[in-house]
Protein backbone atom coordinates (compact mmCIF):
# COMPACT_ATOMS: atom_id res chain seq x y z
CA UNK A 1 298.06 -44.84 60.60
CA UNK A 2 296.86 -45.95 63.94
CA UNK A 3 294.89 -43.58 66.36
CA UNK A 4 296.20 -44.11 69.77
CA UNK A 5 296.34 -40.55 71.15
CA UNK A 6 293.79 -37.57 71.01
CA UNK A 7 296.24 -35.63 69.18
CA UNK A 8 296.35 -38.18 66.32
CA UNK A 9 293.08 -37.30 65.13
CA UNK A 10 293.99 -33.98 63.21
CA UNK A 11 296.63 -35.95 61.32
CA UNK A 12 294.30 -38.78 60.49
CA UNK A 13 291.65 -36.25 59.27
CA UNK A 14 294.53 -34.53 57.26
CA UNK A 15 295.52 -37.62 55.51
CA UNK A 16 292.01 -39.09 54.95
CA UNK A 17 289.30 -36.22 54.95
CA UNK A 18 291.10 -32.94 54.97
CA UNK A 19 288.58 -30.04 55.52
CA UNK A 20 288.73 -26.45 54.50
CA UNK A 21 286.41 -25.67 57.44
CA UNK A 22 287.41 -28.09 60.10
CA UNK A 23 286.79 -25.36 62.50
CA UNK A 24 284.53 -22.21 62.34
CA UNK A 25 284.49 -19.32 64.87
CA UNK A 26 282.72 -15.99 64.74
CA UNK A 27 284.86 -12.89 65.32
CA UNK A 28 283.35 -9.61 65.39
CA UNK A 29 280.29 -10.75 63.51
CA UNK A 30 282.29 -12.56 60.94
CA UNK A 31 282.82 -16.32 60.37
CA UNK A 32 286.51 -17.29 60.14
CA UNK A 33 287.45 -20.85 59.08
CA UNK A 34 290.37 -22.88 59.87
CA UNK A 35 291.26 -25.77 57.65
CA UNK A 36 292.69 -29.07 58.99
CA UNK A 37 296.15 -28.03 57.71
CA UNK A 38 296.03 -24.69 59.38
CA UNK A 39 294.74 -26.44 62.59
CA UNK A 40 297.95 -28.67 62.67
CA UNK A 41 300.31 -25.87 61.79
CA UNK A 42 298.89 -23.63 64.61
CA UNK A 43 298.93 -26.59 67.12
CA UNK A 44 302.40 -27.48 66.13
CA UNK A 45 303.20 -23.64 66.51
CA UNK A 46 301.92 -23.89 70.14
CA UNK A 47 303.84 -26.93 70.88
CA UNK A 48 307.05 -25.52 69.84
CA UNK A 49 306.33 -22.26 71.77
CA UNK A 50 305.66 -24.22 74.99
CA UNK A 51 308.78 -26.19 74.57
CA UNK A 52 310.80 -23.10 74.17
CA UNK A 53 308.95 -21.81 77.47
CA UNK A 54 310.50 -24.90 79.17
CA UNK A 55 307.20 -26.85 79.45
CA UNK A 56 308.03 -30.37 80.25
CA UNK A 57 305.71 -33.60 80.12
CA UNK A 58 303.12 -33.61 82.82
CA UNK A 59 303.41 -29.88 83.30
CA UNK A 60 299.86 -28.27 83.69
CA UNK A 61 298.55 -25.60 81.48
CA UNK A 62 295.13 -23.98 82.22
CA UNK A 63 292.93 -22.80 79.38
CA UNK A 64 289.87 -20.58 80.11
CA UNK A 65 287.63 -19.81 77.10
CA UNK A 66 284.29 -18.15 76.82
CA UNK A 67 282.31 -19.22 73.77
CA UNK A 68 283.25 -22.11 71.40
CA UNK A 69 286.44 -21.00 69.98
CA UNK A 70 288.83 -22.60 67.67
CA UNK A 71 291.81 -21.55 69.83
CA UNK A 72 290.82 -23.74 72.53
CA UNK A 73 291.09 -26.71 70.32
CA UNK A 74 294.43 -25.57 69.05
CA UNK A 75 295.88 -24.97 72.52
CA UNK A 76 294.34 -28.39 73.55
CA UNK A 77 296.21 -30.45 70.93
CA UNK A 78 299.47 -28.10 71.17
CA UNK A 79 299.42 -28.90 74.98
CA UNK A 80 298.91 -32.57 74.59
CA UNK A 81 301.65 -33.08 71.78
CA UNK A 82 304.52 -31.85 74.17
CA UNK A 83 303.04 -34.40 77.05
CA UNK A 84 301.68 -31.54 79.23
CA UNK A 85 298.19 -31.59 80.49
CA UNK A 86 295.47 -29.29 79.76
CA UNK A 87 293.57 -27.98 82.71
CA UNK A 88 290.33 -26.64 81.32
CA UNK A 89 288.51 -24.41 83.40
CA UNK A 90 284.87 -23.19 83.05
CA UNK A 91 284.72 -19.46 82.31
CA UNK A 92 281.97 -18.35 84.56
CA UNK A 93 283.01 -19.90 87.89
CA UNK A 94 284.10 -17.55 90.60
CA UNK A 95 287.50 -16.02 91.01
CA UNK A 96 287.97 -18.07 94.14
CA UNK A 97 287.17 -21.26 92.20
CA UNK A 98 289.67 -20.20 89.52
CA UNK A 99 292.21 -19.60 92.33
CA UNK A 100 291.53 -23.14 93.78
CA UNK A 101 291.89 -24.88 90.55
CA UNK A 102 294.85 -23.13 89.31
CA UNK A 103 296.61 -23.63 92.60
CA UNK A 104 295.62 -27.30 93.25
CA UNK A 105 296.24 -28.43 89.67
CA UNK A 106 299.81 -26.57 90.02
CA UNK A 107 299.23 -24.87 86.44
CA UNK A 108 302.27 -22.89 85.46
CA UNK A 109 300.50 -20.89 82.65
CA UNK A 110 297.22 -20.01 81.84
CA UNK A 111 295.72 -19.01 78.50
CA UNK A 112 292.27 -17.00 78.50
CA UNK A 113 290.07 -16.03 75.82
CA UNK A 114 289.28 -12.44 76.31
CA UNK A 115 289.39 -9.41 78.64
CA UNK A 116 286.65 -10.47 81.01
CA UNK A 117 288.35 -13.79 81.93
CA UNK A 118 291.62 -12.13 81.99
CA UNK A 119 290.34 -9.61 84.55
CA UNK A 120 289.01 -12.41 86.67
CA UNK A 121 292.47 -14.29 86.66
CA UNK A 122 294.42 -11.03 87.09
CA UNK A 123 292.53 -10.58 90.44
CA UNK A 124 293.99 -14.06 91.89
CA UNK A 125 297.09 -14.70 90.03
CA UNK A 126 299.18 -13.50 92.97
CA UNK A 127 297.67 -16.00 94.87
CA UNK A 128 298.50 -18.84 92.66
CA UNK A 129 302.02 -20.06 93.55
CA UNK A 130 303.22 -21.75 90.46
CA UNK A 131 301.42 -19.52 87.91
CA UNK A 132 304.23 -17.88 85.78
CA UNK A 133 302.26 -15.91 83.13
CA UNK A 134 298.77 -15.56 81.73
CA UNK A 135 298.25 -15.08 77.90
CA UNK A 136 295.14 -14.14 75.91
CA UNK A 137 293.67 -15.36 72.66
CA UNK A 138 292.58 -11.87 71.94
CA UNK A 139 294.75 -8.97 71.52
CA UNK A 140 294.20 -6.71 74.55
CA UNK A 141 295.66 -3.35 75.63
CA UNK A 142 298.22 -3.54 78.32
């Protein structure tokens, strides 16, 4: 297998060096492992969901995540596999900067890590013409 795209790496790892702890993230004080196989399965689930949502090659999907979370990596590969573009946004920039980046990147969807980032995006989402929906990694009320 020749690695020519970023999303080839997980498949190469699975074939040659599968790990039970390819990613490890702390949630509520407990470490949770994600194996290479789980990583690929979750990234493929993201890809399938994006295709069902109508995402096309070169569509832009923003991802804003605090901390170093496994979900960011899963989203990145899931987005790239369908030919869309990940627009990573730093979580601590101002709402005005979020609005500028989301608007000028023409992001159609935004995935956020938690309630604080969601609060910021909700403040400006009506000013972002192409933004259809915002989703969170964390389960949040409302």
